[in-house]
Amino acid sequence: MSNINVIENAEASQILSQLRDLSLTSAAVRRLVKELTANLTKHVLKVPAPDEKVAVIVVLRSGLAMADPFLAAFPDDADTATYHLGLFREKESLRPVEYYNKLPAKSPKIKRAYILDPLVATGGTAKAAIDILKDWGVDHITLFALLGSEEGLNKVASVWPEHTDVFVGAIDKDLDAKGYVKPGVGDIGDRLFGTSLG
């Protein structure tokens, strides 16, 4: 899809390679996600116009790790609002489930929204987020992910292609039987917050 932008960056590739190590502690995973987000953000972010308010949409829970480094890249005088969407993938059906959405009435100054979600696997969660923001009334959406599967990214990019750009640090070709990116980085939410049962 022409609206998928893979960010070619040697430093980011090195950080991602470290992140693939499933033996890392949660603290190390959080540090690497922060570093990778900061490294890639400069290729994703467009400086807002003086009269523009930008919505930053954090997909709970793993998107939280991207929020601070992403927001830090905005100019100090930028008008931004950060909203949270609670979406998770049901383990059996792999379908997205929305459990939290407190989007207010949209300000007419908000035309652009950025979605922060570190991993796009099947694409269901990101697709749901795009559908929510489309219905909310934004003119343009940028999905920012650190890693995605080829299948999931193509699915997301085709939802609203004329109004959505997808930026990703790298693409892994396959998904495994459980819908995880292969080779991927495992369950990034569990790894970030130390909640894996393993």
N, C-alpha and C. Protein backbone atom coordinates (compact mmCIF):
# COMPACT_ATOMS: atom_id res chain seq x y z
N MET A 1 0.85 -1.20 0.00
CA MET A 1 0.00 0.00 0.00
C MET A 1 0.89 1.24 0.00
N SER A 2 0.49 2.24 -0.79
CA SER A 2 1.32 3.43 -0.94
C SER A 2 1.34 4.32 0.30
N ASN A 3 0.40 4.12 1.21
CA ASN A 3 0.37 4.95 2.43
C ASN A 3 1.10 4.30 3.60
N ILE A 4 1.84 3.23 3.35
CA ILE A 4 2.70 2.61 4.38
C ILE A 4 4.12 3.14 4.19
N ASN A 5 4.65 3.72 5.25
CA ASN A 5 5.99 4.28 5.22
C ASN A 5 6.88 3.52 6.19
N VAL A 6 7.85 2.79 5.66
CA VAL A 6 8.81 2.07 6.50
C VAL A 6 10.01 2.99 6.71
N ILE A 7 10.31 3.27 7.96
CA ILE A 7 11.37 4.22 8.29
C ILE A 7 12.71 3.48 8.28
N GLU A 8 13.55 3.82 7.31
CA GLU A 8 14.86 3.19 7.18
C GLU A 8 15.85 3.96 8.06
N ASN A 9 16.35 3.30 9.10
CA ASN A 9 17.20 3.99 10.05
C ASN A 9 18.09 2.96 10.75
N ALA A 10 19.39 3.08 10.58
CA ALA A 10 20.32 2.08 11.11
C ALA A 10 20.26 2.01 12.64
N GLU A 11 20.19 3.17 13.29
CA GLU A 11 20.15 3.18 14.76
C GLU A 11 18.87 2.52 15.26
N ALA A 12 17.75 2.82 14.60
CA ALA A 12 16.47 2.22 14.99
C ALA A 12 16.51 0.71 14.79
N SER A 13 17.11 0.26 13.71
CA SER A 13 17.21 -1.17 13.45
C SER A 13 18.01 -1.87 14.55
N GLN A 14 19.05 -1.22 15.03
CA GLN A 14 19.87 -1.79 16.10
C GLN A 14 19.07 -1.88 17.40
N ILE A 15 18.29 -0.84 17.70
CA ILE A 15 17.46 -0.85 18.91
C ILE A 15 16.41 -1.95 18.82
N LEU A 16 15.78 -2.07 17.65
CA LEU A 16 14.77 -3.12 17.46
C LEU A 16 15.37 -4.50 17.61
N SER A 17 16.58 -4.68 17.10
CA SER A 17 17.26 -5.96 17.24
C SER A 17 17.44 -6.32 18.72
N GLN A 18 17.78 -5.33 19.54
CA GLN A 18 17.90 -5.57 20.99
C GLN A 18 16.55 -5.91 21.60
N LEU A 19 15.50 -5.23 21.13
CA LEU A 19 14.17 -5.44 21.68
C LEU A 19 13.63 -6.84 21.40
N ARG A 20 14.15 -7.50 20.38
CA ARG A 20 13.71 -8.86 20.04
C ARG A 20 14.18 -9.90 21.06
N ASP A 21 15.10 -9.52 21.94
CA ASP A 21 15.61 -10.44 22.95
C ASP A 21 14.54 -10.63 24.03
N LEU A 22 13.89 -11.78 24.04
CA LEU A 22 12.76 -12.02 24.94
C LEU A 22 13.19 -12.23 26.40
N SER A 23 14.49 -12.25 26.66
CA SER A 23 14.95 -12.42 28.04
C SER A 23 15.12 -11.08 28.77
N LEU A 24 14.88 -9.97 28.10
CA LEU A 24 15.07 -8.66 28.72
C LEU A 24 14.10 -8.43 29.86
N THR A 25 14.54 -7.64 30.84
CA THR A 25 13.65 -7.24 31.93
C THR A 25 12.65 -6.20 31.42
N SER A 26 11.59 -5.99 32.18
CA SER A 26 10.59 -4.99 31.80
C SER A 26 11.22 -3.60 31.72
N ALA A 27 12.12 -3.31 32.65
CA ALA A 27 12.78 -1.99 32.64
C ALA A 27 13.57 -1.79 31.35
N ALA A 28 14.26 -2.83 30.89
CA ALA A 28 15.02 -2.73 29.65
C ALA A 28 14.09 -2.58 28.45
N VAL A 29 12.97 -3.30 28.45
CA VAL A 29 12.00 -3.18 27.35
C VAL A 29 11.44 -1.76 27.30
N ARG A 30 11.09 -1.20 28.45
CA ARG A 30 10.56 0.17 28.49
C ARG A 30 11.59 1.17 27.97
N ARG A 31 12.85 0.99 28.37
CA ARG A 31 13.91 1.90 27.92
C ARG A 31 14.08 1.81 26.41
N LEU A 32 14.10 0.60 25.86
CA LEU A 32 14.30 0.44 24.42
C LEU A 32 13.12 0.98 23.62
N VAL A 33 11.89 0.75 24.11
CA VAL A 33 10.71 1.29 23.42
C VAL A 33 10.75 2.82 23.42
N LYS A 34 11.16 3.39 24.53
CA LYS A 34 11.29 4.85 24.61
C LYS A 34 12.34 5.35 23.62
N GLU A 35 13.49 4.69 23.59
CA GLU A 35 14.56 5.09 22.68
C GLU A 35 14.13 4.94 21.22
N LEU A 36 13.48 3.84 20.91
CA LEU A 36 13.05 3.59 19.53
C LEU A 36 11.99 4.60 19.10
N THR A 37 11.05 4.89 20.00
CA THR A 37 10.02 5.88 19.69
C THR A 37 10.65 7.24 19.41
N ALA A 38 11.57 7.67 20.29
CA ALA A 38 12.22 8.97 20.11
C ALA A 38 12.99 9.02 18.79
N ASN A 39 13.64 7.93 18.45
CA ASN A 39 14.43 7.87 17.22
C ASN A 39 13.55 7.99 15.98
N LEU A 40 12.40 7.31 16.00
CA LEU A 40 11.53 7.28 14.81
C LEU A 40 10.61 8.49 14.71
N THR A 41 10.30 9.12 15.84
CA THR A 41 9.31 10.20 15.85
C THR A 41 9.68 11.32 14.89
N LYS A 42 10.95 11.63 14.79
CA LYS A 42 11.36 12.75 13.92
C LYS A 42 10.99 12.52 12.46
N HIS A 43 10.76 11.25 12.09
CA HIS A 43 10.34 10.94 10.72
C HIS A 43 8.82 10.93 10.56
N VAL A 44 8.13 10.92 11.68
CA VAL A 44 6.66 10.77 11.68
C VAL A 44 5.94 12.10 11.87
N LEU A 45 6.48 12.91 12.76
CA LEU A 45 5.78 14.10 13.24
C LEU A 45 5.84 15.25 12.23
N LYS A 46 4.70 15.85 11.99
CA LYS A 46 4.63 17.08 11.20
C LYS A 46 4.34 18.23 12.15
N VAL A 47 5.10 19.29 12.05
CA VAL A 47 4.89 20.44 12.94
C VAL A 47 3.51 21.02 12.68
N PRO A 48 2.70 21.16 13.74
CA PRO A 48 1.35 21.66 13.54
C PRO A 48 1.33 23.13 13.11
N ALA A 49 0.29 23.48 12.38
CA ALA A 49 0.08 24.89 12.03
C ALA A 49 -0.24 25.68 13.29
N PRO A 50 -0.02 27.00 13.27
CA PRO A 50 -0.22 27.82 14.47
C PRO A 50 -1.63 27.73 15.06
N ASP A 51 -2.63 27.55 14.23
CA ASP A 51 -4.01 27.52 14.73
C ASP A 51 -4.56 26.09 14.85
N GLU A 52 -3.67 25.11 14.79
CA GLU A 52 -4.09 23.70 14.77
C GLU A 52 -3.93 23.07 16.15
N LYS A 53 -4.93 22.27 16.53
CA LYS A 53 -4.83 21.45 17.73
C LYS A 53 -4.70 20.00 17.27
N VAL A 54 -3.72 19.29 17.80
CA VAL A 54 -3.44 17.93 17.35
C VAL A 54 -3.86 16.94 18.44
N ALA A 55 -4.57 15.90 18.02
CA ALA A 55 -4.96 14.84 18.95
C ALA A 55 -3.94 13.72 18.90
N VAL A 56 -3.46 13.32 20.07
CA VAL A 56 -2.56 12.18 20.18
C VAL A 56 -3.35 11.07 20.89
N ILE A 57 -3.54 9.97 20.19
CA ILE A 57 -4.37 8.88 20.69
C ILE A 57 -3.46 7.73 21.14
N VAL A 58 -3.48 7.45 22.43
CA VAL A 58 -2.65 6.40 23.00
C VAL A 58 -3.51 5.15 23.15
N VAL A 59 -3.11 4.07 22.47
CA VAL A 59 -3.84 2.81 22.58
C VAL A 59 -3.33 2.09 23.83
N LEU A 60 -4.24 1.90 24.78
CA LEU A 60 -3.89 1.22 26.03
C LEU A 60 -3.72 -0.28 25.77
N ARG A 61 -2.77 -0.89 26.42
CA ARG A 61 -1.90 -0.27 27.40
C ARG A 61 -0.52 0.00 26.85
N SER A 62 -0.13 -0.74 25.81
CA SER A 62 1.26 -0.67 25.34
C SER A 62 1.62 0.68 24.72
N GLY A 63 0.63 1.41 24.20
CA GLY A 63 0.91 2.73 23.64
C GLY A 63 1.40 3.73 24.67
N LEU A 64 1.15 3.45 25.95
CA LEU A 64 1.61 4.35 27.01
C LEU A 64 3.12 4.54 26.97
N ALA A 65 3.85 3.50 26.61
CA ALA A 65 5.31 3.56 26.59
C ALA A 65 5.84 4.49 25.50
N MET A 66 5.02 4.77 24.48
CA MET A 66 5.43 5.65 23.39
C MET A 66 5.04 7.10 23.64
N ALA A 67 4.14 7.35 24.56
CA ALA A 67 3.53 8.68 24.69
C ALA A 67 4.53 9.77 25.05
N ASP A 68 5.30 9.58 26.11
CA ASP A 68 6.21 10.65 26.56
C ASP A 68 7.25 11.03 25.51
N PRO A 69 7.98 10.06 24.92
CA PRO A 69 8.95 10.47 23.91
C PRO A 69 8.32 11.08 22.66
N PHE A 70 7.12 10.64 22.32
CA PHE A 70 6.45 11.22 21.15
C PHE A 70 6.02 12.66 21.44
N LEU A 71 5.38 12.88 22.58
CA LEU A 71 4.91 14.22 22.93
C LEU A 71 6.07 15.19 23.13
N ALA A 72 7.20 14.69 23.60
CA ALA A 72 8.37 15.54 23.84
C ALA A 72 8.92 16.14 22.55
N ALA A 73 8.59 15.54 21.41
CA ALA A 73 9.11 16.02 20.13
C ALA A 73 8.33 17.21 19.57
N PHE A 74 7.15 17.48 20.12
CA PHE A 74 6.38 18.65 19.66
C PHE A 74 7.05 19.94 20.13
N PRO A 75 6.93 21.00 19.36
CA PRO A 75 7.41 22.30 19.84
C PRO A 75 6.67 22.69 21.13
N ASP A 76 7.33 23.48 21.98
CA ASP A 76 6.74 23.86 23.26
C ASP A 76 5.41 24.60 23.11
N ASP A 77 5.25 25.32 22.00
CA ASP A 77 4.03 26.10 21.83
C ASP A 77 2.94 25.34 21.07
N ALA A 78 3.17 24.05 20.79
CA ALA A 78 2.16 23.26 20.06
C ALA A 78 0.95 23.01 20.94
N ASP A 79 -0.21 23.04 20.32
CA ASP A 79 -1.48 22.78 21.02
C ASP A 79 -1.84 21.31 20.78
N THR A 80 -1.66 20.48 21.81
CA THR A 80 -1.95 19.06 21.68
C THR A 80 -2.92 18.62 22.76
N ALA A 81 -3.66 17.58 22.46
CA ALA A 81 -4.53 16.93 23.45
C ALA A 81 -4.26 15.43 23.36
N THR A 82 -4.10 14.79 24.52
CA THR A 82 -3.83 13.36 24.55
C THR A 82 -5.06 12.62 25.06
N TYR A 83 -5.52 11.66 24.26
CA TYR A 83 -6.68 10.85 24.63
C TYR A 83 -6.26 9.38 24.64
N HIS A 84 -7.00 8.57 25.37
CA HIS A 84 -6.67 7.16 25.51
C HIS A 84 -7.83 6.30 25.00
N LEU A 85 -7.48 5.28 24.25
CA LEU A 85 -8.46 4.28 23.80
C LEU A 85 -8.06 2.93 24.38
N GLY A 86 -8.98 2.29 25.06
CA GLY A 86 -8.73 0.96 25.60
C GLY A 86 -9.21 -0.09 24.61
N LEU A 87 -8.26 -0.76 23.98
CA LEU A 87 -8.58 -1.80 23.00
C LEU A 87 -7.67 -3.00 23.26
N PHE A 88 -8.24 -4.19 23.26
CA PHE A 88 -7.39 -5.37 23.36
C PHE A 88 -7.90 -6.44 22.41
N ARG A 89 -7.02 -7.37 22.13
CA ARG A 89 -7.35 -8.45 21.19
C ARG A 89 -7.81 -9.66 21.98
N GLU A 90 -9.04 -10.09 21.73
CA GLU A 90 -9.58 -11.27 22.41
C GLU A 90 -8.76 -12.49 21.97
N LYS A 91 -8.34 -13.30 22.95
CA LYS A 91 -7.35 -14.35 22.70
C LYS A 91 -7.81 -15.42 21.71
N GLU A 92 -9.08 -15.78 21.74
CA GLU A 92 -9.55 -16.87 20.88
C GLU A 92 -9.91 -16.39 19.47
N SER A 93 -10.74 -15.36 19.40
CA SER A 93 -11.21 -14.87 18.09
C SER A 93 -10.21 -13.94 17.43
N LEU A 94 -9.28 -13.36 18.22
CA LEU A 94 -8.31 -12.35 17.78
C LEU A 94 -8.99 -11.06 17.35
N ARG A 95 -10.27 -10.89 17.74
CA ARG A 95 -10.99 -9.66 17.38
C ARG A 95 -10.78 -8.59 18.44
N PRO A 96 -10.79 -7.31 18.03
CA PRO A 96 -10.57 -6.25 19.00
C PRO A 96 -11.79 -6.03 19.90
N VAL A 97 -11.52 -5.74 21.15
CA VAL A 97 -12.57 -5.43 22.12
C VAL A 97 -12.29 -4.03 22.67
N GLU A 98 -13.27 -3.15 22.58
CA GLU A 98 -13.11 -1.79 23.12
C GLU A 98 -13.63 -1.77 24.54
N TYR A 99 -12.79 -1.34 25.49
CA TYR A 99 -13.21 -1.30 26.88
C TYR A 99 -13.09 0.09 27.50
N TYR A 100 -12.47 1.03 26.77
CA TYR A 100 -12.35 2.39 27.31
C TYR A 100 -12.32 3.38 26.16
N ASN A 101 -13.20 4.37 26.21
CA ASN A 101 -13.24 5.42 25.19
C ASN A 101 -13.91 6.63 25.81
N LYS A 102 -13.12 7.65 26.10
CA LYS A 102 -13.65 8.88 26.69
C LYS A 102 -13.41 10.07 25.75
N LEU A 103 -13.45 9.82 24.44
CA LEU A 103 -13.28 10.93 23.51
C LEU A 103 -14.41 11.93 23.71
N PRO A 104 -14.08 13.21 23.91
CA PRO A 104 -15.12 14.22 24.07
C PRO A 104 -15.65 14.65 22.70
N ALA A 105 -16.57 15.59 22.69
CA ALA A 105 -16.97 16.20 21.42
C ALA A 105 -15.71 16.79 20.79
N LYS A 106 -15.50 16.54 19.52
CA LYS A 106 -14.26 16.96 18.87
C LYS A 106 -14.21 18.47 18.68
N SER A 107 -13.09 19.06 19.07
CA SER A 107 -12.86 20.49 18.81
C SER A 107 -12.73 20.70 17.31
N PRO A 108 -13.32 21.78 16.77
CA PRO A 108 -13.16 22.05 15.34
C PRO A 108 -11.71 22.35 14.95
N LYS A 109 -10.86 22.65 15.95
CA LYS A 109 -9.45 22.91 15.67
C LYS A 109 -8.67 21.62 15.43
N ILE A 110 -9.24 20.48 15.80
CA ILE A 110 -8.56 19.20 15.61
C ILE A 110 -8.89 18.64 14.23
N LYS A 111 -7.89 18.60 13.38
CA LYS A 111 -8.03 18.01 12.05
C LYS A 111 -7.22 16.72 11.93
N ARG A 112 -6.10 16.66 12.68
CA ARG A 112 -5.15 15.56 12.56
C ARG A 112 -5.05 14.80 13.87
N ALA A 113 -4.94 13.47 13.76
CA ALA A 113 -4.74 12.63 14.94
C ALA A 113 -3.61 11.66 14.68
N TYR A 114 -2.82 11.43 15.71
CA TYR A 114 -1.78 10.41 15.69
C TYR A 114 -2.19 9.27 16.62
N ILE A 115 -2.11 8.05 16.14
CA ILE A 115 -2.38 6.87 16.95
C ILE A 115 -1.04 6.24 17.31
N LEU A 116 -0.81 6.03 18.60
CA LEU A 116 0.42 5.39 19.07
C LEU A 116 0.11 3.97 19.51
N ASP A 117 0.67 3.00 18.81
CA ASP A 117 0.48 1.59 19.13
C ASP A 117 1.74 0.87 18.67
N PRO A 118 2.57 0.37 19.60
CA PRO A 118 3.88 -0.12 19.19
C PRO A 118 3.89 -1.31 18.24
N LEU A 119 2.85 -2.14 18.29
CA LEU A 119 2.88 -3.38 17.51
C LEU A 119 1.58 -3.58 16.75
N VAL A 120 1.68 -3.79 15.45
CA VAL A 120 0.52 -4.13 14.62
C VAL A 120 0.69 -5.58 14.20
N ALA A 121 -0.16 -6.45 14.74
CA ALA A 121 -0.06 -7.89 14.41
C ALA A 121 -1.11 -8.23 13.34
N THR A 122 -2.31 -8.62 13.76
CA THR A 122 -3.37 -8.90 12.78
C THR A 122 -3.93 -7.62 12.18
N GLY A 123 -3.75 -6.50 12.88
CA GLY A 123 -4.27 -5.23 12.40
C GLY A 123 -5.64 -4.88 12.95
N GLY A 124 -6.27 -5.80 13.68
CA GLY A 124 -7.63 -5.58 14.15
C GLY A 124 -7.76 -4.41 15.12
N THR A 125 -6.84 -4.30 16.06
CA THR A 125 -6.90 -3.21 17.05
C THR A 125 -6.68 -1.86 16.38
N ALA A 126 -5.66 -1.77 15.53
CA ALA A 126 -5.39 -0.51 14.85
C ALA A 126 -6.54 -0.13 13.92
N LYS A 127 -7.12 -1.10 13.25
CA LYS A 127 -8.27 -0.83 12.38
C LYS A 127 -9.42 -0.26 13.20
N ALA A 128 -9.68 -0.85 14.37
CA ALA A 128 -10.75 -0.36 15.24
C ALA A 128 -10.48 1.08 15.67
N ALA A 129 -9.23 1.40 16.00
CA ALA A 129 -8.88 2.76 16.40
C ALA A 129 -9.11 3.75 15.26
N ILE A 130 -8.74 3.36 14.06
CA ILE A 130 -8.96 4.23 12.89
C ILE A 130 -10.45 4.45 12.66
N ASP A 131 -11.24 3.39 12.75
CA ASP A 131 -12.69 3.52 12.58
C ASP A 131 -13.29 4.48 13.62
N ILE A 132 -12.83 4.39 14.86
CA ILE A 132 -13.32 5.26 15.94
C ILE A 132 -13.01 6.73 15.62
N LEU A 133 -11.78 6.99 15.17
CA LEU A 133 -11.38 8.37 14.90
C LEU A 133 -12.04 8.91 13.63
N LYS A 134 -12.27 8.05 12.67
CA LYS A 134 -13.00 8.46 11.47
C LYS A 134 -14.40 8.90 11.85
N ASP A 135 -15.06 8.11 12.70
CA ASP A 135 -16.40 8.47 13.16
C ASP A 135 -16.38 9.73 14.04
N TRP A 136 -15.28 9.95 14.75
CA TRP A 136 -15.12 11.13 15.60
C TRP A 136 -15.05 12.40 14.77
N GLY A 137 -14.54 12.27 13.53
CA GLY A 137 -14.57 13.41 12.61
C GLY A 137 -13.26 14.05 12.27
N VAL A 138 -12.13 13.34 12.46
CA VAL A 138 -10.85 13.93 12.07
C VAL A 138 -10.70 13.84 10.55
N ASP A 139 -9.84 14.70 10.02
CA ASP A 139 -9.59 14.71 8.58
C ASP A 139 -8.46 13.79 8.17
N HIS A 140 -7.50 13.60 9.08
CA HIS A 140 -6.32 12.81 8.74
C HIS A 140 -5.82 12.06 9.96
N ILE A 141 -5.39 10.81 9.73
CA ILE A 141 -4.88 9.96 10.80
C ILE A 141 -3.48 9.48 10.41
N THR A 142 -2.58 9.54 11.38
CA THR A 142 -1.27 8.91 11.22
C THR A 142 -1.15 7.82 12.28
N LEU A 143 -1.01 6.58 11.84
CA LEU A 143 -0.75 5.48 12.76
C LEU A 143 0.76 5.31 12.86
N PHE A 144 1.28 5.32 14.08
CA PHE A 144 2.71 5.18 14.32
C PHE A 144 2.94 3.91 15.13
N ALA A 145 3.63 2.94 14.50
CA ALA A 145 3.96 1.67 15.15
C ALA A 145 5.45 1.42 15.03
N LEU A 146 5.99 0.70 15.99
CA LEU A 146 7.41 0.37 15.96
C LEU A 146 7.70 -0.84 15.08
N LEU A 147 6.73 -1.76 15.03
CA LEU A 147 6.88 -3.00 14.26
C LEU A 147 5.51 -3.49 13.85
N GLY A 148 5.43 -4.10 12.68
CA GLY A 148 4.15 -4.66 12.25
C GLY A 148 4.35 -5.84 11.33
N SER A 149 3.30 -6.63 11.21
CA SER A 149 3.32 -7.72 10.22
C SER A 149 2.88 -7.16 8.87
N GLU A 150 3.33 -7.80 7.83
CA GLU A 150 2.94 -7.37 6.48
C GLU A 150 1.42 -7.43 6.32
N GLU A 151 0.82 -8.52 6.78
CA GLU A 151 -0.63 -8.70 6.66
C GLU A 151 -1.39 -7.64 7.45
N GLY A 152 -0.98 -7.43 8.70
CA GLY A 152 -1.68 -6.47 9.54
C GLY A 152 -1.57 -5.04 9.03
N LEU A 153 -0.39 -4.66 8.58
CA LEU A 153 -0.19 -3.29 8.08
C LEU A 153 -1.00 -3.04 6.82
N ASN A 154 -1.04 -4.02 5.93
CA ASN A 154 -1.85 -3.87 4.71
C ASN A 154 -3.33 -3.73 5.05
N LYS A 155 -3.78 -4.47 6.05
CA LYS A 155 -5.18 -4.38 6.48
C LYS A 155 -5.49 -2.99 7.01
N VAL A 156 -4.60 -2.48 7.84
CA VAL A 156 -4.81 -1.16 8.45
C VAL A 156 -4.75 -0.06 7.39
N ALA A 157 -3.79 -0.17 6.49
CA ALA A 157 -3.61 0.87 5.48
C ALA A 157 -4.77 0.97 4.52
N SER A 158 -5.56 -0.10 4.41
CA SER A 158 -6.68 -0.11 3.46
C SER A 158 -8.01 0.35 4.08
N VAL A 159 -8.01 0.64 5.38
CA VAL A 159 -9.26 1.02 6.05
C VAL A 159 -9.79 2.34 5.52
N TRP A 160 -8.93 3.35 5.46
CA TRP A 160 -9.31 4.70 5.04
C TRP A 160 -8.10 5.31 4.34
N PRO A 161 -7.68 4.69 3.23
CA PRO A 161 -6.36 4.99 2.66
C PRO A 161 -6.14 6.42 2.23
N GLU A 162 -7.19 7.09 1.80
CA GLU A 162 -7.02 8.46 1.33
C GLU A 162 -6.80 9.45 2.48
N HIS A 163 -7.03 9.02 3.72
CA HIS A 163 -6.89 9.92 4.86
C HIS A 163 -6.02 9.35 5.98
N THR A 164 -5.30 8.27 5.68
CA THR A 164 -4.48 7.62 6.71
C THR A 164 -3.08 7.35 6.18
N ASP A 165 -2.08 7.72 6.99
CA ASP A 165 -0.70 7.34 6.73
C ASP A 165 -0.25 6.40 7.84
N VAL A 166 0.50 5.39 7.47
CA VAL A 166 1.03 4.43 8.43
C VAL A 166 2.55 4.55 8.42
N PHE A 167 3.13 4.80 9.60
CA PHE A 167 4.58 4.83 9.75
C PHE A 167 4.99 3.70 10.66
N VAL A 168 5.99 2.94 10.23
CA VAL A 168 6.42 1.77 11.00
C VAL A 168 7.94 1.65 10.93
N GLY A 169 8.53 1.21 12.05
CA GLY A 169 9.98 1.08 12.09
C GLY A 169 10.49 -0.12 11.31
N ALA A 170 9.71 -1.19 11.24
CA ALA A 170 10.11 -2.39 10.49
C ALA A 170 8.89 -3.27 10.26
N ILE A 171 9.01 -4.12 9.25
CA ILE A 171 7.93 -5.06 8.92
C ILE A 171 8.48 -6.48 9.01
N ASP A 172 7.78 -7.31 9.77
CA ASP A 172 8.05 -8.76 9.79
C ASP A 172 6.99 -9.43 8.91
N LYS A 173 7.40 -10.41 8.15
CA LYS A 173 6.53 -10.95 7.11
C LYS A 173 5.34 -11.75 7.64
N ASP A 174 5.56 -12.53 8.71
CA ASP A 174 4.58 -13.54 9.07
C ASP A 174 3.89 -13.31 10.41
N LEU A 175 2.77 -14.02 10.59
CA LEU A 175 2.09 -14.15 11.87
C LEU A 175 2.10 -15.63 12.26
N ASP A 176 2.19 -15.91 13.56
CA ASP A 176 2.11 -17.31 13.96
C ASP A 176 0.66 -17.71 14.20
N ALA A 177 0.43 -18.93 14.65
CA ALA A 177 -0.93 -19.46 14.81
C ALA A 177 -1.73 -18.68 15.85
N LYS A 178 -1.06 -18.02 16.77
CA LYS A 178 -1.75 -17.24 17.81
C LYS A 178 -1.96 -15.78 17.41
N GLY A 179 -1.54 -15.44 16.18
CA GLY A 179 -1.72 -14.07 15.72
C GLY A 179 -0.64 -13.12 16.17
N TYR A 180 0.52 -13.65 16.60
CA TYR A 180 1.65 -12.82 16.99
C TYR A 180 2.56 -12.60 15.79
N VAL A 181 3.17 -11.41 15.74
CA VAL A 181 4.13 -11.13 14.68
C VAL A 181 5.31 -12.09 14.83
N LYS A 182 5.78 -12.61 13.68
CA LYS A 182 6.86 -13.59 13.67
C LYS A 182 7.99 -13.09 12.77
N PRO A 183 9.22 -12.96 13.28
CA PRO A 183 9.69 -13.32 14.62
C PRO A 183 9.22 -12.37 15.71
N GLY A 184 9.01 -11.11 15.38
CA GLY A 184 8.37 -10.19 16.31
C GLY A 184 9.16 -9.87 17.56
N VAL A 185 8.42 -9.39 18.56
CA VAL A 185 9.01 -9.03 19.86
C VAL A 185 8.20 -9.61 21.01
N GLY A 186 7.37 -10.61 20.72
CA GLY A 186 6.53 -11.20 21.75
C GLY A 186 5.33 -10.32 22.07
N ASP A 187 4.71 -10.55 23.22
CA ASP A 187 3.58 -9.73 23.67
C ASP A 187 4.16 -8.48 24.31
N ILE A 188 4.16 -7.39 23.55
CA ILE A 188 4.85 -6.18 24.00
C ILE A 188 4.22 -5.59 25.25
N GLY A 189 2.91 -5.70 25.41
CA GLY A 189 2.26 -5.19 26.61
C GLY A 189 2.73 -5.92 27.85
N ASP A 190 2.72 -7.26 27.80
CA ASP A 190 3.20 -8.05 28.93
C ASP A 190 4.67 -7.77 29.22
N ARG A 191 5.46 -7.61 28.17
CA ARG A 191 6.89 -7.36 28.36
C ARG A 191 7.13 -5.97 28.96
N LEU A 192 6.36 -4.99 28.56
CA LEU A 192 6.53 -3.63 29.09
C LEU A 192 6.18 -3.55 30.57
N PHE A 193 5.16 -4.29 30.97
CA PHE A 193 4.64 -4.13 32.32
C PHE A 193 4.88 -5.33 33.23
N GLY A 194 5.63 -6.31 32.74
CA GLY A 194 6.01 -7.44 33.58
C GLY A 194 4.87 -8.33 33.99
N THR A 195 3.86 -8.46 33.12
CA THR A 195 2.66 -9.21 33.46
C THR A 195 2.56 -10.57 32.80
N SER A 196 3.63 -11.00 32.15
CA SER A 196 3.62 -12.31 31.52
C SER A 196 3.57 -13.40 32.60
N LEU A 197 2.86 -14.47 32.31
CA LEU A 197 2.76 -15.58 33.26
C LEU A 197 4.03 -16.44 33.24
N GLY A 198 4.84 -16.26 32.19
CA GLY A 198 6.04 -17.08 32.06
C GLY A 198 7.16 -16.69 33.01
